[in-house]
């Protein structure tokens, strides 16, 4: 993932390794956001940066698993994942 990674980019990570890497990434993003808030950076700018980085991380993961996909196909998969998540959340709200 990063330049400090010990794994070759062609190797796959286990589910547990990916889980911990993602948690570490989110924790770093939160720490960065806290520092930016202390420096009076606009909250919308921080949120935009966080969301952008999340999409880049998703795009990177999809491209690693599917090396033959084009940029357009990767974006399509991301859109499908987002719409599926939104549908699941709306179903959960209706059941409550």
PDB file of N, CA and C in Angstrom:
ATOM      1  N   UNK A   1       0.821  -1.175   0.000  1.00  0.00           N
ATOM      2  CA  UNK A   1       0.000   0.000   0.000  1.00  0.00           C
ATOM      3  C   UNK A   1       0.868   1.243   0.000  1.00  0.00           C
ATOM      4  N   UNK A   2       1.675   1.426   1.034  1.00  0.00           N
ATOM      5  CA  UNK A   2       2.550   2.574   1.068  1.00  0.00           C
ATOM      6  C   UNK A   2       3.956   2.157   0.752  1.00  0.00           C
ATOM      7  N   UNK A   3       4.851   3.133   0.732  1.00  0.00           N
ATOM      8  CA  UNK A   3       6.243   2.821   0.432  1.00  0.00           C
ATOM      9  C   UNK A   3       6.897   2.075   1.587  1.00  0.00           C
ATOM     10  N   UNK A   4       6.308   2.155   2.810  1.00  0.00           N
ATOM     11  CA  UNK A   4       6.876   1.468   3.960  1.00  0.00           C
ATOM     12  C   UNK A   4       6.362   0.042   4.098  1.00  0.00           C
ATOM     13  N   UNK A   5       5.602  -0.423   3.128  1.00  0.00           N
ATOM     14  CA  UNK A   5       5.046  -1.768   3.179  1.00  0.00           C
ATOM     15  C   UNK A   5       6.142  -2.796   2.918  1.00  0.00           C
ATOM     16  N   UNK A   6       6.096  -3.905   3.687  1.00  0.00           N
ATOM     17  CA  UNK A   6       7.090  -4.958   3.522  1.00  0.00           C
ATOM     18  C   UNK A   6       6.684  -5.954   2.446  1.00  0.00           C
ATOM     19  N   UNK A   7       5.449  -5.927   2.020  1.00  0.00           N
ATOM     20  CA  UNK A   7       4.961  -6.889   1.032  1.00  0.00           C
ATOM     21  C   UNK A   7       5.172  -6.370  -0.381  1.00  0.00           C
ATOM     22  N   UNK A   8       5.362  -7.302  -1.287  1.00  0.00           N
ATOM     23  CA  UNK A   8       5.415  -6.979  -2.693  1.00  0.00           C
ATOM     24  C   UNK A   8       3.997  -6.631  -3.135  1.00  0.00           C
ATOM     25  N   UNK A   9       3.837  -5.658  -4.013  1.00  0.00           N
ATOM     26  CA  UNK A   9       2.503  -5.232  -4.435  1.00  0.00           C
ATOM     27  C   UNK A   9       1.734  -6.352  -5.126  1.00  0.00           C
ATOM     28  N   UNK A  10       2.423  -7.352  -5.645  1.00  0.00           N
ATOM     29  CA  UNK A  10       1.745  -8.444  -6.332  1.00  0.00           C
ATOM     30  C   UNK A  10       1.176  -9.467  -5.359  1.00  0.00           C
ATOM     31  N   UNK A  11       1.587  -9.427  -4.086  1.00  0.00           N
ATOM     32  CA  UNK A  11       1.080 -10.365  -3.097  1.00  0.00           C
ATOM     33  C   UNK A  11      -0.241  -9.862  -2.539  1.00  0.00           C
ATOM     34  N   UNK A  12      -1.088 -10.806  -2.181  1.00  0.00           N
ATOM     35  CA  UNK A  12      -2.367 -10.450  -1.579  1.00  0.00           C
ATOM     36  C   UNK A  12      -2.229 -10.444  -0.069  1.00  0.00           C
ATOM     37  N   UNK A  13      -2.989  -9.580   0.562  1.00  0.00           N
ATOM     38  CA  UNK A  13      -3.023  -9.511   2.005  1.00  0.00           C
ATOM     39  C   UNK A  13      -4.152 -10.401   2.514  1.00  0.00           C
ATOM     40  N   UNK A  14      -3.972 -10.949   3.698  1.00  0.00           N
ATOM     41  CA  UNK A  14      -5.060 -11.721   4.302  1.00  0.00           C
ATOM     42  C   UNK A  14      -6.142 -10.751   4.750  1.00  0.00           C
ATOM     43  N   UNK A  15      -7.316 -11.279   5.054  1.00  0.00           N
ATOM     44  CA  UNK A  15      -8.427 -10.425   5.500  1.00  0.00           C
ATOM     45  C   UNK A  15      -8.047  -9.686   6.778  1.00  0.00           C
ATOM     46  N   UNK A  16      -7.374 -10.388   7.685  1.00  0.00           N
ATOM     47  CA  UNK A  16      -6.976  -9.757   8.949  1.00  0.00           C
ATOM     48  C   UNK A  16      -5.966  -8.637   8.714  1.00  0.00           C
ATOM     49  N   UNK A  17      -5.003  -8.880   7.828  1.00  0.00           N
ATOM     50  CA  UNK A  17      -4.012  -7.844   7.518  1.00  0.00           C
ATOM     51  C   UNK A  17      -4.685  -6.621   6.893  1.00  0.00           C
ATOM     52  N   UNK A  18      -5.601  -6.855   5.959  1.00  0.00           N
ATOM     53  CA  UNK A  18      -6.320  -5.745   5.335  1.00  0.00           C
ATOM     54  C   UNK A  18      -7.136  -4.974   6.354  1.00  0.00           C
ATOM     55  N   UNK A  19      -7.775  -5.691   7.264  1.00  0.00           N
ATOM     56  CA  UNK A  19      -8.580  -5.052   8.299  1.00  0.00           C
ATOM     57  C   UNK A  19      -7.709  -4.114   9.140  1.00  0.00           C
ATOM     58  N   UNK A  20      -6.565  -4.602   9.590  1.00  0.00           N
ATOM     59  CA  UNK A  20      -5.695  -3.780  10.418  1.00  0.00           C
ATOM     60  C   UNK A  20      -5.073  -2.629   9.634  1.00  0.00           C
ATOM     61  N   UNK A  21      -4.750  -2.856   8.369  1.00  0.00           N
ATOM     62  CA  UNK A  21      -4.220  -1.777   7.538  1.00  0.00           C
ATOM     63  C   UNK A  21      -5.266  -0.677   7.341  1.00  0.00           C
ATOM     64  N   UNK A  22      -6.511  -1.076   7.131  1.00  0.00           N
ATOM     65  CA  UNK A  22      -7.581  -0.089   6.947  1.00  0.00           C
ATOM     66  C   UNK A  22      -7.840   0.691   8.230  1.00  0.00           C
ATOM     67  N   UNK A  23      -7.823  -0.008   9.364  1.00  0.00           N
ATOM     68  CA  UNK A  23      -8.029   0.680  10.657  1.00  0.00           C
ATOM     69  C   UNK A  23      -6.894   1.678  10.880  1.00  0.00           C
ATOM     70  N   UNK A  24      -5.677   1.260  10.588  1.00  0.00           N
ATOM     71  CA  UNK A  24      -4.524   2.142  10.751  1.00  0.00           C
ATOM     72  C   UNK A  24      -4.659   3.369   9.846  1.00  0.00           C
ATOM     73  N   UNK A  25      -5.091   3.156   8.624  1.00  0.00           N
ATOM     74  CA  UNK A  25      -5.277   4.253   7.669  1.00  0.00           C
ATOM     75  C   UNK A  25      -6.324   5.246   8.181  1.00  0.00           C
ATOM     76  N   UNK A  26      -7.442   4.732   8.675  1.00  0.00           N
ATOM     77  CA  UNK A  26      -8.507   5.605   9.183  1.00  0.00           C
ATOM     78  C   UNK A  26      -8.032   6.363  10.417  1.00  0.00           C
ATOM     79  N   UNK A  27      -7.300   5.698  11.305  1.00  0.00           N
ATOM     80  CA  UNK A  27      -6.784   6.369  12.501  1.00  0.00           C
ATOM     81  C   UNK A  27      -5.846   7.511  12.126  1.00  0.00           C
ATOM     82  N   UNK A  28      -5.008   7.281  11.115  1.00  0.00           N
ATOM     83  CA  UNK A  28      -4.106   8.352  10.649  1.00  0.00           C
ATOM     84  C   UNK A  28      -4.899   9.509  10.059  1.00  0.00           C
ATOM     85  N   UNK A  29      -5.966   9.184   9.321  1.00  0.00           N
ATOM     86  CA  UNK A  29      -6.815  10.236   8.742  1.00  0.00           C
ATOM     87  C   UNK A  29      -7.470  11.070   9.847  1.00  0.00           C
ATOM     88  N   UNK A  30      -7.931  10.402  10.904  1.00  0.00           N
ATOM     89  CA  UNK A  30      -8.574  11.113  12.013  1.00  0.00           C
ATOM     90  C   UNK A  30      -7.567  12.003  12.729  1.00  0.00           C
ATOM     91  N   UNK A  31      -6.367  11.489  12.959  1.00  0.00           N
ATOM     92  CA  UNK A  31      -5.325  12.298  13.597  1.00  0.00           C
ATOM     93  C   UNK A  31      -4.985  13.522  12.746  1.00  0.00           C
ATOM     94  N   UNK A  32      -4.901  13.316  11.457  1.00  0.00           N
ATOM     95  CA  UNK A  32      -4.614  14.424  10.546  1.00  0.00           C
ATOM     96  C   UNK A  32      -5.738  15.452  10.591  1.00  0.00           C
ATOM     97  N   UNK A  33      -6.975  14.979  10.596  1.00  0.00           N
ATOM     98  CA  UNK A  33      -8.126  15.889  10.655  1.00  0.00           C
ATOM     99  C   UNK A  33      -8.102  16.703  11.946  1.00  0.00           C
ATOM    100  N   UNK A  34      -7.769  16.061  13.057  1.00  0.00           N
ATOM    101  CA  UNK A  34      -7.694  16.782  14.338  1.00  0.00           C
ATOM    102  C   UNK A  34      -6.643  17.884  14.280  1.00  0.00           C
ATOM    103  N   UNK A  35      -5.480  17.568  13.691  1.00  0.00           N
ATOM    104  CA  UNK A  35      -4.421  18.586  13.568  1.00  0.00           C
ATOM    105  C   UNK A  35      -4.876  19.742  12.688  1.00  0.00           C
ATOM    106  N   UNK A  36      -5.591  19.422  11.600  1.00  0.00           N
ATOM    107  CA  UNK A  36      -6.064  20.466  10.702  1.00  0.00           C
ATOM    108  C   UNK A  36      -7.129  21.340  11.368  1.00  0.00           C
ATOM    109  N   UNK A  37      -7.982  20.725  12.179  1.00  0.00           N
ATOM    110  CA  UNK A  37      -8.991  21.497  12.899  1.00  0.00           C
ATOM    111  C   UNK A  37      -8.318  22.467  13.857  1.00  0.00           C
ATOM    112  N   UNK A  38      -7.262  22.006  14.517  1.00  0.00           N
ATOM    113  CA  UNK A  38      -6.524  22.883  15.445  1.00  0.00           C
ATOM    114  C   UNK A  38      -5.883  24.060  14.699  1.00  0.00           C
ATOM    115  N   UNK A  39      -5.591  23.871  13.413  1.00  0.00           N
ATOM    116  CA  UNK A  39      -4.995  24.940  12.599  1.00  0.00           C
ATOM    117  C   UNK A  39      -6.059  25.770  11.900  1.00  0.00           C
ATOM    118  N   UNK A  40      -7.333  25.577  12.287  1.00  0.00           N
ATOM    119  CA  UNK A  40      -8.471  26.328  11.746  1.00  0.00           C
ATOM    120  C   UNK A  40      -8.695  26.122  10.253  1.00  0.00           C
ATOM    121  N   UNK A  41      -8.430  24.905   9.773  1.00  0.00           N
ATOM    122  CA  UNK A  41      -8.745  24.573   8.385  1.00  0.00           C
ATOM    123  C   UNK A  41     -10.245  24.288   8.327  1.00  0.00           C
ATOM    124  N   UNK A  42     -10.886  24.687   7.250  1.00  0.00           N
ATOM    125  CA  UNK A  42     -12.325  24.526   7.083  1.00  0.00           C
ATOM    126  C   UNK A  42     -12.733  23.053   7.183  1.00  0.00           C
ATOM    127  N   UNK A  43     -13.803  22.791   7.932  1.00  0.00           N
ATOM    128  CA  UNK A  43     -14.284  21.415   8.132  1.00  0.00           C
ATOM    129  C   UNK A  43     -14.679  20.743   6.823  1.00  0.00           C
ATOM    130  N   UNK A  44     -15.270  21.500   5.904  1.00  0.00           N
ATOM    131  CA  UNK A  44     -15.656  20.914   4.615  1.00  0.00           C
ATOM    132  C   UNK A  44     -14.436  20.482   3.812  1.00  0.00           C
ATOM    133  N   UNK A  45     -13.377  21.231   3.900  1.00  0.00           N
ATOM    134  CA  UNK A  45     -12.139  20.871   3.201  1.00  0.00           C
ATOM    135  C   UNK A  45     -11.564  19.576   3.786  1.00  0.00           C
ATOM    136  N   UNK A  46     -11.626  19.435   5.100  1.00  0.00           N
ATOM    137  CA  UNK A  46     -11.141  18.225   5.756  1.00  0.00           C
ATOM    138  C   UNK A  46     -11.990  17.026   5.329  1.00  0.00           C
ATOM    139  N   UNK A  47     -13.321  17.195   5.341  1.00  0.00           N
ATOM    140  CA  UNK A  47     -14.224  16.112   4.951  1.00  0.00           C
ATOM    141  C   UNK A  47     -14.006  15.723   3.492  1.00  0.00           C
ATOM    142  N   UNK A  48     -13.845  16.718   2.635  1.00  0.00           N
ATOM    143  CA  UNK A  48     -13.610  16.455   1.216  1.00  0.00           C
ATOM    144  C   UNK A  48     -12.334  15.650   1.022  1.00  0.00           C
ATOM    145  N   UNK A  49     -11.292  16.021   1.738  1.00  0.00           N
ATOM    146  CA  UNK A  49     -10.015  15.316   1.637  1.00  0.00           C
ATOM    147  C   UNK A  49     -10.150  13.875   2.133  1.00  0.00           C
ATOM    148  N   UNK A  50     -10.865  13.685   3.238  1.00  0.00           N
ATOM    149  CA  UNK A  50     -11.071  12.352   3.791  1.00  0.00           C
ATOM    150  C   UNK A  50     -11.843  11.467   2.814  1.00  0.00           C
ATOM    151  N   UNK A  51     -12.909  11.990   2.245  1.00  0.00           N
ATOM    152  CA  UNK A  51     -13.719  11.226   1.298  1.00  0.00           C
ATOM    153  C   UNK A  51     -12.911  10.899   0.040  1.00  0.00           C
ATOM    154  N   UNK A  52     -12.159  11.871  -0.445  1.00  0.00           N
ATOM    155  CA  UNK A  52     -11.322  11.644  -1.628  1.00  0.00           C
ATOM    156  C   UNK A  52     -10.319  10.520  -1.369  1.00  0.00           C
ATOM    157  N   UNK A  53      -9.661  10.568  -0.211  1.00  0.00           N
ATOM    158  CA  UNK A  53      -8.677   9.531   0.115  1.00  0.00           C
ATOM    159  C   UNK A  53      -9.333   8.163   0.257  1.00  0.00           C
ATOM    160  N   UNK A  54     -10.555   8.124   0.782  1.00  0.00           N
ATOM    161  CA  UNK A  54     -11.279   6.854   0.917  1.00  0.00           C
ATOM    162  C   UNK A  54     -11.569   6.256  -0.459  1.00  0.00           C
ATOM    163  N   UNK A  55     -11.994   7.103  -1.400  1.00  0.00           N
ATOM    164  CA  UNK A  55     -12.263   6.617  -2.752  1.00  0.00           C
ATOM    165  C   UNK A  55     -10.982   6.162  -3.452  1.00  0.00           C
ATOM    166  N   UNK A  56      -9.893   6.884  -3.231  1.00  0.00           N
ATOM    167  CA  UNK A  56      -8.620   6.481  -3.827  1.00  0.00           C
ATOM    168  C   UNK A  56      -8.177   5.125  -3.282  1.00  0.00           C
ATOM    169  N   UNK A  57      -8.382   4.907  -1.987  1.00  0.00           N
ATOM    170  CA  UNK A  57      -8.037   3.632  -1.372  1.00  0.00           C
ATOM    171  C   UNK A  57      -8.892   2.510  -1.950  1.00  0.00           C
ATOM    172  N   UNK A  58     -10.182   2.765  -2.132  1.00  0.00           N
ATOM    173  CA  UNK A  58     -11.087   1.777  -2.722  1.00  0.00           C
ATOM    174  C   UNK A  58     -10.664   1.474  -4.165  1.00  0.00           C
ATOM    175  N   UNK A  59     -10.362   2.514  -4.906  1.00  0.00           N
ATOM    176  CA  UNK A  59      -9.939   2.363  -6.305  1.00  0.00           C
ATOM    177  C   UNK A  59      -8.656   1.537  -6.393  1.00  0.00           C
ATOM    178  N   UNK A  60      -7.731   1.807  -5.493  1.00  0.00           N
ATOM    179  CA  UNK A  60      -6.458   1.085  -5.463  1.00  0.00           C
ATOM    180  C   UNK A  60      -6.697  -0.401  -5.182  1.00  0.00           C
ATOM    181  N   UNK A  61      -7.563  -0.705  -4.210  1.00  0.00           N
ATOM    182  CA  UNK A  61      -7.855  -2.098  -3.873  1.00  0.00           C
ATOM    183  C   UNK A  61      -8.505  -2.842  -5.016  1.00  0.00           C
ATOM    184  N   UNK A  62      -9.442  -2.186  -5.680  1.00  0.00           N
ATOM    185  CA  UNK A  62     -10.123  -2.825  -6.812  1.00  0.00           C
ATOM    186  C   UNK A  62      -9.140  -3.072  -7.953  1.00  0.00           C
ATOM    187  N   UNK A  63      -8.283  -2.104  -8.217  1.00  0.00           N
ATOM    188  CA  UNK A  63      -7.331  -2.269  -9.317  1.00  0.00           C
ATOM    189  C   UNK A  63      -6.300  -3.355  -9.017  1.00  0.00           C
ATOM    190  N   UNK A  64      -5.961  -3.551  -7.739  1.00  0.00           N
ATOM    191  CA  UNK A  64      -5.033  -4.631  -7.396  1.00  0.00           C
ATOM    192  C   UNK A  64      -5.657  -5.999  -7.630  1.00  0.00           C
ATOM    193  N   UNK A  65      -6.938  -6.123  -7.298  1.00  0.00           N
ATOM    194  CA  UNK A  65      -7.622  -7.408  -7.450  1.00  0.00           C
ATOM    195  C   UNK A  65      -7.989  -7.701  -8.892  1.00  0.00           C
ATOM    196  N   UNK A  66      -8.174  -6.647  -9.699  1.00  0.00           N
ATOM    197  CA  UNK A  66      -8.614  -6.808 -11.084  1.00  0.00           C
ATOM    198  C   UNK A  66      -7.713  -5.975 -11.995  1.00  0.00           C
ATOM    199  N   UNK A  67      -6.557  -6.508 -12.294  1.00  0.00           N
ATOM    200  CA  UNK A  67      -5.553  -5.747 -13.043  1.00  0.00           C
ATOM    201  C   UNK A  67      -5.961  -5.422 -14.478  1.00  0.00           C
ATOM    202  N   UNK A  68      -6.917  -6.176 -15.019  1.00  0.00           N
ATOM    203  CA  UNK A  68      -7.294  -5.970 -16.413  1.00  0.00           C
ATOM    204  C   UNK A  68      -8.418  -4.953 -16.599  1.00  0.00           C
ATOM    205  N   UNK A  69      -8.930  -4.378 -15.512  1.00  0.00           N
ATOM    206  CA  UNK A  69     -10.022  -3.407 -15.627  1.00  0.00           C
ATOM    207  C   UNK A  69      -9.519  -2.038 -16.065  1.00  0.00           C
ATOM    208  N   UNK A  70     -10.355  -1.361 -16.838  1.00  0.00           N
ATOM    209  CA  UNK A  70     -10.040   0.011 -17.227  1.00  0.00           C
ATOM    210  C   UNK A  70     -10.477   0.955 -16.117  1.00  0.00           C
ATOM    211  N   UNK A  71     -10.062   2.196 -16.222  1.00  0.00           N
ATOM    212  CA  UNK A  71     -10.442   3.226 -15.249  1.00  0.00           C
ATOM    213  C   UNK A  71     -11.968   3.360 -15.172  1.00  0.00           C
ATOM    214  N   UNK A  72     -12.613   3.310 -16.307  1.00  0.00           N
ATOM    215  CA  UNK A  72     -14.070   3.450 -16.377  1.00  0.00           C
ATOM    216  C   UNK A  72     -14.764   2.285 -15.667  1.00  0.00           C
ATOM    217  N   UNK A  73     -14.246   1.078 -15.854  1.00  0.00           N
ATOM    218  CA  UNK A  73     -14.831  -0.099 -15.207  1.00  0.00           C
ATOM    219  C   UNK A  73     -14.642  -0.047 -13.687  1.00  0.00           C
ATOM    220  N   UNK A  74     -13.497   0.448 -13.248  1.00  0.00           N
ATOM    221  CA  UNK A  74     -13.239   0.599 -11.817  1.00  0.00           C
ATOM    222  C   UNK A  74     -14.227   1.590 -11.209  1.00  0.00           C
ATOM    223  N   UNK A  75     -14.456   2.698 -11.891  1.00  0.00           N
ATOM    224  CA  UNK A  75     -15.409   3.700 -11.409  1.00  0.00           C
ATOM    225  C   UNK A  75     -16.821   3.109 -11.350  1.00  0.00           C
ATOM    226  N   UNK A  76     -17.155   2.264 -12.301  1.00  0.00           N
ATOM    227  CA  UNK A  76     -18.466   1.619 -12.320  1.00  0.00           C
ATOM    228  C   UNK A  76     -18.630   0.705 -11.100  1.00  0.00           C
ATOM    229  N   UNK A  77     -17.595  -0.043 -10.766  1.00  0.00           N
ATOM    230  CA  UNK A  77     -17.640  -0.924  -9.596  1.00  0.00           C
ATOM    231  C   UNK A  77     -17.807  -0.109  -8.322  1.00  0.00           C
ATOM    232  N   UNK A  78     -17.100   1.004  -8.230  1.00  0.00           N
ATOM    233  CA  UNK A  78     -17.217   1.871  -7.057  1.00  0.00           C
ATOM    234  C   UNK A  78     -18.648   2.391  -6.935  1.00  0.00           C
ATOM    235  N   UNK A  79     -19.222   2.839  -8.038  1.00  0.00           N
ATOM    236  CA  UNK A  79     -20.617   3.324  -8.017  1.00  0.00           C
ATOM    237  C   UNK A  79     -21.582   2.230  -7.563  1.00  0.00           C
ATOM    238  N   UNK A  80     -21.377   1.005  -8.060  1.00  0.00           N
ATOM    239  CA  UNK A  80     -22.242  -0.111  -7.669  1.00  0.00           C
ATOM    240  C   UNK A  80     -22.110  -0.395  -6.173  1.00  0.00           C
ATOM    241  N   UNK A  81     -20.885  -0.367  -5.665  1.00  0.00           N
ATOM    242  CA  UNK A  81     -20.667  -0.603  -4.239  1.00  0.00           C
ATOM    243  C   UNK A  81     -21.356   0.458  -3.388  1.00  0.00           C
ATOM    244  N   UNK A  82     -21.282   1.698  -3.816  1.00  0.00           N
ATOM    245  CA  UNK A  82     -21.901   2.786  -3.060  1.00  0.00           C
ATOM    246  C   UNK A  82     -23.421   2.651  -3.090  1.00  0.00           C
ATOM    247  N   UNK A  83     -23.974   2.367  -4.263  1.00  0.00           N
ATOM    248  CA  UNK A  83     -25.434   2.256  -4.349  1.00  0.00           C
ATOM    249  C   UNK A  83     -25.929   1.056  -3.554  1.00  0.00           C
ATOM    250  N   UNK A  84     -25.190  -0.039  -3.530  1.00  0.00           N
ATOM    251  CA  UNK A  84     -25.573  -1.203  -2.748  1.00  0.00           C
ATOM    252  C   UNK A  84     -25.562  -0.866  -1.260  1.00  0.00           C
ATOM    253  N   UNK A  85     -24.532  -0.167  -0.816  1.00  0.00           N
ATOM    254  CA  UNK A  85     -24.441   0.235   0.584  1.00  0.00           C
ATOM    255  C   UNK A  85     -25.602   1.139   0.960  1.00  0.00           C
ATOM    256  N   UNK A  86     -25.950   2.078   0.092  1.00  0.00           N
ATOM    257  CA  UNK A  86     -27.051   2.991   0.375  1.00  0.00           C
ATOM    258  C   UNK A  86     -28.373   2.233   0.443  1.00  0.00           C
ATOM    259  N   UNK A  87     -28.571   1.252  -0.442  1.00  0.00           N
ATOM    260  CA  UNK A  87     -29.793   0.450  -0.410  1.00  0.00           C
ATOM    261  C   UNK A  87     -29.890  -0.349   0.888  1.00  0.00           C
ATOM    262  N   UNK A  88     -28.772  -0.932   1.306  1.00  0.00           N
ATOM    263  CA  UNK A  88     -28.775  -1.703   2.553  1.00  0.00           C
ATOM    264  C   UNK A  88     -29.109  -0.811   3.747  1.00  0.00           C
ATOM    265  N   UNK A  89     -28.531   0.380   3.788  1.00  0.00           N
ATOM    266  CA  UNK A  89     -28.805   1.310   4.887  1.00  0.00           C
ATOM    267  C   UNK A  89     -30.251   1.739   4.893  1.00  0.00           C
ATOM    268  N   UNK A  90     -30.830   1.998   3.728  1.00  0.00           N
ATOM    269  CA  UNK A  90     -32.226   2.430   3.679  1.00  0.00           C
ATOM    270  C   UNK A  90     -33.153   1.293   4.110  1.00  0.00           C
ATOM    271  N   UNK A  91     -32.814   0.052   3.778  1.00  0.00           N
ATOM    272  CA  UNK A  91     -33.613  -1.092   4.222  1.00  0.00           C
ATOM    273  C   UNK A  91     -33.550  -1.250   5.729  1.00  0.00           C
ATOM    274  N   UNK A  92     -32.385  -1.022   6.313  1.00  0.00           N
ATOM    275  CA  UNK A  92     -32.245  -1.119   7.765  1.00  0.00           C
ATOM    276  C   UNK A  92     -33.091  -0.053   8.458  1.00  0.00           C
ATOM    277  N   UNK A  93     -33.130   1.163   7.894  1.00  0.00           N
ATOM    278  CA  UNK A  93     -33.920   2.238   8.490  1.00  0.00           C
ATOM    279  C   UNK A  93     -35.403   1.911   8.428  1.00  0.00           C
ATOM    280  N   UNK A  94     -35.849   1.314   7.335  1.00  0.00           N
ATOM    281  CA  UNK A  94     -37.263   0.964   7.180  1.00  0.00           C
ATOM    282  C   UNK A  94     -37.692  -0.118   8.166  1.00  0.00           C
ATOM    283  N   UNK A  95     -36.810  -1.041   8.448  1.00  0.00           N
ATOM    284  CA  UNK A  95     -37.138  -2.152   9.366  1.00  0.00           C
ATOM    285  C   UNK A  95     -37.289  -1.668  10.805  1.00  0.00           C
ATOM    286  N   UNK A  96     -36.578  -0.595  11.154  1.00  0.00           N
ATOM    287  CA  UNK A  96     -36.671  -0.060  12.517  1.00  0.00           C
ATOM    288  C   UNK A  96     -37.974   0.639  12.656  1.00  0.00           C
TER     289      UNK A  96
END
